[in-house]
């Protein structure tokens, strides 16, 4: 049995993937098709692979670029100051 998706459904899955929401895309597919988790995950991963090949620039903006590092750099001086104050 072949899965028939509407263009609107495919676009909805693509937008979720472009935004970095693979889980949301899988959930949408499961609700729309009644497929199981593994089948839905496999389909969405194939779609993601195809989209990354066709439109890699759409995914570049969704990559996280050192957010944890920035947070660490901001929090570290505060921690050092607190440590110095508590040592007195």
N, C-alpha and C. Protein backbone atom coordinates (compact mmCIF):
# COMPACT_ATOMS: atom_id res chain seq x y z
N UNK A 1 0.84 -1.18 0.00
CA UNK A 1 0.00 0.00 0.00
C UNK A 1 0.88 1.24 0.00
N UNK A 2 0.75 2.10 -1.00
CA UNK A 2 1.53 3.33 -1.11
C UNK A 2 0.83 4.44 -0.35
N UNK A 3 1.61 5.23 0.33
CA UNK A 3 1.07 6.35 1.09
C UNK A 3 0.90 7.54 0.17
N UNK A 4 -0.29 8.07 0.09
CA UNK A 4 -0.57 9.23 -0.74
C UNK A 4 -0.72 10.45 0.16
N UNK A 5 0.19 11.41 0.00
CA UNK A 5 0.13 12.64 0.77
C UNK A 5 -0.24 13.79 -0.14
N UNK A 6 -1.02 14.72 0.38
CA UNK A 6 -1.38 15.90 -0.40
C UNK A 6 -0.18 16.85 -0.44
N UNK A 7 -0.14 17.73 -1.42
CA UNK A 7 0.93 18.73 -1.45
C UNK A 7 0.95 19.59 -0.18
N UNK A 8 -0.22 19.86 0.37
CA UNK A 8 -0.30 20.66 1.59
C UNK A 8 0.34 19.93 2.77
N UNK A 9 0.10 18.62 2.86
CA UNK A 9 0.71 17.82 3.92
C UNK A 9 2.23 17.80 3.77
N UNK A 10 2.69 17.57 2.55
CA UNK A 10 4.14 17.55 2.31
C UNK A 10 4.77 18.89 2.68
N UNK A 11 4.09 19.99 2.34
CA UNK A 11 4.61 21.32 2.67
C UNK A 11 4.64 21.52 4.18
N UNK A 12 3.62 21.04 4.87
CA UNK A 12 3.57 21.16 6.32
C UNK A 12 4.73 20.40 6.97
N UNK A 13 4.99 19.20 6.47
CA UNK A 13 6.11 18.41 6.99
C UNK A 13 7.43 19.11 6.70
N UNK A 14 7.55 19.65 5.48
CA UNK A 14 8.78 20.34 5.09
C UNK A 14 9.03 21.55 5.99
N UNK A 15 7.99 22.34 6.25
CA UNK A 15 8.15 23.52 7.10
C UNK A 15 8.59 23.12 8.52
N UNK A 16 8.01 22.04 9.03
CA UNK A 16 8.43 21.56 10.36
C UNK A 16 9.90 21.15 10.34
N UNK A 17 10.32 20.48 9.28
CA UNK A 17 11.71 20.05 9.18
C UNK A 17 12.65 21.24 9.02
N UNK A 18 12.28 22.21 8.19
CA UNK A 18 13.11 23.41 8.03
C UNK A 18 13.29 24.12 9.37
N UNK A 19 12.26 24.09 10.20
CA UNK A 19 12.33 24.75 11.51
C UNK A 19 13.05 23.90 12.56
N UNK A 20 13.47 22.70 12.18
CA UNK A 20 14.18 21.84 13.12
C UNK A 20 13.26 21.02 14.01
N UNK A 21 12.00 20.86 13.61
CA UNK A 21 11.00 20.15 14.41
C UNK A 21 10.67 18.79 13.79
N UNK A 22 11.65 17.90 13.76
CA UNK A 22 11.43 16.58 13.17
C UNK A 22 10.35 15.81 13.92
N UNK A 23 10.33 15.92 15.23
CA UNK A 23 9.33 15.20 16.02
C UNK A 23 7.92 15.67 15.66
N UNK A 24 7.76 16.97 15.48
CA UNK A 24 6.44 17.50 15.10
C UNK A 24 6.02 16.95 13.74
N UNK A 25 6.96 16.86 12.80
CA UNK A 25 6.64 16.32 11.48
C UNK A 25 6.22 14.86 11.57
N UNK A 26 6.92 14.10 12.40
CA UNK A 26 6.57 12.68 12.59
C UNK A 26 5.17 12.56 13.19
N UNK A 27 4.87 13.38 14.18
CA UNK A 27 3.54 13.36 14.80
C UNK A 27 2.45 13.70 13.79
N UNK A 28 2.72 14.73 12.97
CA UNK A 28 1.74 15.13 11.95
C UNK A 28 1.49 13.98 10.98
N UNK A 29 2.55 13.32 10.56
CA UNK A 29 2.40 12.21 9.62
C UNK A 29 1.62 11.07 10.25
N UNK A 30 1.92 10.75 11.49
CA UNK A 30 1.20 9.66 12.17
C UNK A 30 -0.29 9.97 12.26
N UNK A 31 -0.62 11.22 12.61
CA UNK A 31 -2.02 11.60 12.72
C UNK A 31 -2.73 11.57 11.36
N UNK A 32 -2.02 12.00 10.32
CA UNK A 32 -2.64 12.06 8.99
C UNK A 32 -2.77 10.69 8.34
N UNK A 33 -1.86 9.77 8.67
CA UNK A 33 -1.82 8.50 7.94
C UNK A 33 -2.23 7.29 8.76
N UNK A 34 -2.10 7.38 10.08
CA UNK A 34 -2.36 6.22 10.92
C UNK A 34 -1.19 5.24 10.95
N UNK A 35 -0.05 5.63 10.38
CA UNK A 35 1.14 4.77 10.39
C UNK A 35 1.74 4.70 11.79
N UNK A 36 2.56 3.70 12.00
CA UNK A 36 3.26 3.54 13.26
C UNK A 36 4.44 4.49 13.35
N UNK A 37 5.06 4.50 14.52
CA UNK A 37 6.17 5.41 14.78
C UNK A 37 7.35 5.14 13.85
N UNK A 38 7.75 3.88 13.72
CA UNK A 38 8.93 3.55 12.90
C UNK A 38 8.70 3.93 11.44
N UNK A 39 7.55 3.58 10.89
CA UNK A 39 7.25 3.89 9.50
C UNK A 39 7.23 5.39 9.27
N UNK A 40 6.59 6.11 10.20
CA UNK A 40 6.51 7.56 10.07
C UNK A 40 7.90 8.19 10.17
N UNK A 41 8.70 7.72 11.10
CA UNK A 41 10.05 8.24 11.27
C UNK A 41 10.88 8.00 10.01
N UNK A 42 10.78 6.83 9.44
CA UNK A 42 11.53 6.51 8.22
C UNK A 42 11.13 7.42 7.06
N UNK A 43 9.83 7.66 6.91
CA UNK A 43 9.34 8.51 5.82
C UNK A 43 9.82 9.94 6.01
N UNK A 44 9.70 10.45 7.23
CA UNK A 44 10.12 11.83 7.51
C UNK A 44 11.63 11.98 7.33
N UNK A 45 12.40 10.99 7.73
CA UNK A 45 13.85 11.07 7.54
C UNK A 45 14.23 11.04 6.07
N UNK A 46 13.50 10.26 5.26
CA UNK A 46 13.75 10.27 3.81
C UNK A 46 13.40 11.64 3.23
N UNK A 47 12.27 12.20 3.66
CA UNK A 47 11.87 13.52 3.20
C UNK A 47 12.91 14.56 3.61
N UNK A 48 13.38 14.48 4.84
CA UNK A 48 14.40 15.42 5.31
C UNK A 48 15.68 15.31 4.47
N UNK A 49 16.08 14.10 4.18
CA UNK A 49 17.27 13.89 3.35
C UNK A 49 17.09 14.51 1.96
N UNK A 50 15.92 14.29 1.36
CA UNK A 50 15.63 14.86 0.05
C UNK A 50 15.62 16.39 0.10
N UNK A 51 15.01 16.93 1.14
CA UNK A 51 14.95 18.39 1.28
C UNK A 51 16.33 18.99 1.51
N UNK A 52 17.15 18.33 2.32
CA UNK A 52 18.51 18.82 2.57
C UNK A 52 19.33 18.82 1.28
N UNK A 53 19.12 17.83 0.43
CA UNK A 53 19.83 17.78 -0.84
C UNK A 53 19.34 18.87 -1.79
N UNK A 54 18.04 19.12 -1.80
CA UNK A 54 17.45 20.09 -2.72
C UNK A 54 17.58 21.53 -2.23
N UNK A 55 17.49 21.74 -0.92
CA UNK A 55 17.47 23.10 -0.35
C UNK A 55 18.33 23.19 0.91
N UNK A 56 19.63 22.98 0.80
CA UNK A 56 20.47 23.00 2.02
C UNK A 56 20.45 24.35 2.73
N UNK A 57 20.24 25.43 2.00
CA UNK A 57 20.23 26.75 2.62
C UNK A 57 19.07 26.94 3.59
N UNK A 58 17.98 26.22 3.37
CA UNK A 58 16.83 26.33 4.27
C UNK A 58 17.12 25.74 5.64
N UNK A 59 18.08 24.83 5.71
CA UNK A 59 18.43 24.18 6.97
C UNK A 59 19.56 24.91 7.69
N UNK A 60 20.34 25.69 6.99
CA UNK A 60 21.50 26.34 7.59
C UNK A 60 21.08 27.26 8.74
N UNK A 61 19.97 27.95 8.58
CA UNK A 61 19.53 28.89 9.61
C UNK A 61 19.01 28.17 10.85
N UNK A 62 18.61 26.93 10.71
CA UNK A 62 18.03 26.22 11.85
C UNK A 62 19.07 25.54 12.72
N UNK A 63 20.34 25.54 12.27
CA UNK A 63 21.38 24.90 13.07
C UNK A 63 21.70 25.76 14.28
N UNK A 64 21.90 25.12 15.40
CA UNK A 64 22.28 25.82 16.62
C UNK A 64 23.77 26.11 16.53
N UNK A 65 24.13 27.35 16.81
CA UNK A 65 25.53 27.73 16.66
C UNK A 65 26.10 28.23 17.99
N UNK A 66 26.44 27.31 18.84
CA UNK A 66 27.14 27.67 20.06
C UNK A 66 26.29 28.34 21.11
N UNK A 67 25.01 28.09 21.15
CA UNK A 67 24.16 28.71 22.16
C UNK A 67 24.59 28.38 23.57
N UNK A 68 25.00 27.15 23.79
CA UNK A 68 25.47 26.75 25.12
C UNK A 68 26.77 27.45 25.47
N UNK A 69 27.62 27.62 24.49
CA UNK A 69 28.89 28.29 24.73
C UNK A 69 28.68 29.74 25.13
N UNK A 70 27.76 30.41 24.45
CA UNK A 70 27.46 31.80 24.79
C UNK A 70 26.92 31.89 26.21
N UNK A 71 26.04 30.98 26.56
CA UNK A 71 25.48 30.97 27.91
C UNK A 71 26.58 30.73 28.94
N UNK A 72 27.46 29.80 28.67
CA UNK A 72 28.57 29.50 29.58
C UNK A 72 29.47 30.72 29.76
N UNK A 73 29.77 31.41 28.67
CA UNK A 73 30.62 32.60 28.74
C UNK A 73 29.95 33.69 29.56
N UNK A 74 28.63 33.77 29.48
CA UNK A 74 27.92 34.79 30.25
C UNK A 74 27.80 34.41 31.72
N UNK A 75 27.64 33.14 32.03
CA UNK A 75 27.42 32.70 33.41
C UNK A 75 28.74 32.51 34.17
N UNK A 76 29.78 32.13 33.49
CA UNK A 76 31.05 31.82 34.15
C UNK A 76 31.58 32.98 35.00
N UNK A 77 31.63 34.21 34.50
CA UNK A 77 32.14 35.31 35.35
C UNK A 77 31.31 35.52 36.62
N UNK A 78 30.01 35.35 36.51
CA UNK A 78 29.15 35.49 37.69
C UNK A 78 29.50 34.41 38.72
N UNK A 79 29.71 33.19 38.26
CA UNK A 79 30.09 32.11 39.16
C UNK A 79 31.42 32.37 39.83
N UNK A 80 32.37 32.89 39.09
CA UNK A 80 33.68 33.20 39.66
C UNK A 80 33.55 34.29 40.71
N UNK A 81 32.77 35.32 40.42
CA UNK A 81 32.58 36.39 41.40
C UNK A 81 31.92 35.87 42.68
N UNK A 82 30.91 35.03 42.52
CA UNK A 82 30.27 34.46 43.70
C UNK A 82 31.24 33.60 44.50
N UNK A 83 32.05 32.83 43.83
CA UNK A 83 33.03 31.98 44.50
C UNK A 83 34.02 32.84 45.27
N UNK A 84 34.49 33.94 44.65
CA UNK A 84 35.44 34.82 45.32
C UNK A 84 34.81 35.49 46.55
N UNK A 85 33.55 35.91 46.40
CA UNK A 85 32.87 36.54 47.54
C UNK A 85 32.64 35.56 48.68
N UNK A 86 32.30 34.34 48.37
CA UNK A 86 32.05 33.34 49.41
C UNK A 86 33.33 32.87 50.07
N UNK A 87 34.45 32.98 49.43
CA UNK A 87 35.73 32.55 50.00
C UNK A 87 36.21 33.49 51.07
N UNK A 88 35.78 34.71 51.07
CA UNK A 88 36.25 35.71 52.04
C UNK A 88 35.85 35.36 53.42
